[in-house]
């Protein structure tokens, strides 16, 4: 079975920097999915102060990523990357479950 999520080294380094600059201890980051945008779903990222009882925990490159249990089926086999170029910077998800994205890239559908 494919892992729920893998992280590139670039994404892990960015998450590590965010966690270090937060100013208070964190378990890691939590990734979820919510209804939003013209295609229906979008990714959420937030600091995690504790591990939930049903969170999927992934450890990669020295950080912990917690996956909200409601998001697992949407993320199986995905890769999280961080890009930083002249026009934009941010986390990018390469998700094999996506059937399409909206034009602005803010949301997706499966």
Protein backbone atom coordinates (compact mmCIF):
# COMPACT_ATOMS: atom_id res chain seq x y z
CA UNK A 1 0.00 0.00 0.00
CA UNK A 2 1.26 3.49 -0.85
CA UNK A 3 2.20 5.74 2.07
CA UNK A 4 -0.41 8.36 2.90
CA UNK A 5 2.06 11.19 2.29
CA UNK A 6 5.74 11.68 1.56
CA UNK A 7 7.69 14.89 2.06
CA UNK A 8 10.49 16.24 -0.04
CA UNK A 9 13.56 17.48 1.78
CA UNK A 10 12.64 21.03 0.73
CA UNK A 11 9.19 20.74 2.37
CA UNK A 12 10.68 19.26 5.54
CA UNK A 13 13.24 22.06 5.82
CA UNK A 14 10.52 24.70 5.47
CA UNK A 15 8.29 22.98 8.05
CA UNK A 16 11.25 22.71 10.42
CA UNK A 17 11.95 26.45 10.05
CA UNK A 18 8.29 27.30 10.69
CA UNK A 19 8.22 25.11 13.80
CA UNK A 20 11.44 26.64 15.14
CA UNK A 21 10.14 30.18 14.60
CA UNK A 22 6.72 29.54 16.14
CA UNK A 23 7.81 30.57 19.63
CA UNK A 24 6.24 27.66 21.47
CA UNK A 25 6.71 23.88 21.38
CA UNK A 26 4.79 21.92 18.75
CA UNK A 27 4.40 18.23 18.07
CA UNK A 28 4.58 19.01 14.34
CA UNK A 29 2.17 20.18 11.67
CA UNK A 30 -1.29 18.83 10.88
CA UNK A 31 -2.54 18.48 7.32
CA UNK A 32 -6.22 18.32 6.59
CA UNK A 33 -8.79 18.87 3.85
CA UNK A 34 -11.71 21.29 3.89
CA UNK A 35 -14.50 22.27 1.55
CA UNK A 36 -13.45 25.44 -0.27
CA UNK A 37 -12.98 27.04 -3.65
CA UNK A 38 -14.47 26.44 -7.05
CA UNK A 39 -13.34 22.81 -7.27
CA UNK A 40 -14.58 21.84 -3.83
CA UNK A 41 -11.58 20.89 -1.63
CA UNK A 42 -8.41 22.56 -0.38
CA UNK A 43 -5.50 21.55 1.81
CA UNK A 44 -5.11 22.95 5.33
CA UNK A 45 -1.90 23.18 7.34
CA UNK A 46 -1.69 24.17 10.98
CA UNK A 47 0.63 23.80 13.92
CA UNK A 48 -0.15 20.74 16.02
CA UNK A 49 0.15 21.08 19.79
CA UNK A 50 -0.79 17.45 20.41
CA UNK A 51 -1.40 14.23 18.51
CA UNK A 52 -5.08 13.37 18.08
CA UNK A 53 -6.20 9.82 18.83
CA UNK A 54 -6.84 9.00 15.16
CA UNK A 55 -4.17 11.13 13.48
CA UNK A 56 -1.89 9.35 11.04
CA UNK A 57 1.66 10.23 12.10
CA UNK A 58 4.42 10.46 9.50
CA UNK A 59 8.02 11.15 10.45
CA UNK A 60 10.28 12.39 7.68
CA UNK A 61 13.56 14.30 7.61
CA UNK A 62 13.39 14.89 11.38
CA UNK A 63 9.86 16.32 11.59
CA UNK A 64 6.40 14.96 12.38
CA UNK A 65 3.44 15.45 10.10
CA UNK A 66 0.03 14.57 11.46
CA UNK A 67 -2.73 13.78 8.99
CA UNK A 68 -6.30 14.48 10.02
CA UNK A 69 -8.20 11.17 9.82
CA UNK A 70 -10.86 12.73 7.55
CA UNK A 71 -8.14 13.66 5.02
CA UNK A 72 -6.36 10.31 4.75
CA UNK A 73 -8.44 8.89 1.90
CA UNK A 74 -7.88 12.07 -0.15
CA UNK A 75 -4.10 12.09 0.39
CA UNK A 76 -2.98 8.48 -0.10
CA UNK A 77 0.11 8.45 -2.30
CA UNK A 78 0.61 12.24 -2.24
CA UNK A 79 3.87 14.15 -2.07
CA UNK A 80 4.28 17.47 -0.28
CA UNK A 81 6.93 19.80 -1.65
CA UNK A 82 7.95 23.40 -1.02
CA UNK A 83 8.79 25.68 -3.92
CA UNK A 84 10.35 29.12 -3.79
CA UNK A 85 10.87 31.04 -7.02
CA UNK A 86 10.67 34.64 -8.28
CA UNK A 87 6.87 34.67 -8.56
CA UNK A 88 5.69 32.61 -5.61
CA UNK A 89 6.59 30.36 -2.74
CA UNK A 90 4.57 27.80 -0.89
CA UNK A 91 3.75 24.18 -0.27
CA UNK A 92 2.73 22.17 -3.31
CA UNK A 93 0.90 18.85 -3.19
CA UNK A 94 1.35 16.29 -5.94
CA UNK A 95 -1.75 14.21 -5.40
CA UNK A 96 -2.49 11.20 -7.65
CA UNK A 97 -6.11 11.23 -6.45
CA UNK A 98 -6.87 14.65 -7.93
CA UNK A 99 -9.19 14.58 -10.92
CA UNK A 100 -8.87 18.31 -11.52
CA UNK A 101 -7.95 21.72 -10.10
CA UNK A 102 -9.49 25.12 -10.37
CA UNK A 103 -7.74 27.69 -12.56
CA UNK A 104 -6.16 29.57 -9.66
CA UNK A 105 -4.82 26.39 -8.05
CA UNK A 106 -6.59 27.10 -4.77
CA UNK A 107 -8.77 23.99 -4.76
CA UNK A 108 -9.12 20.51 -6.28
CA UNK A 109 -11.58 17.67 -6.63
CA UNK A 110 -11.27 13.89 -6.54
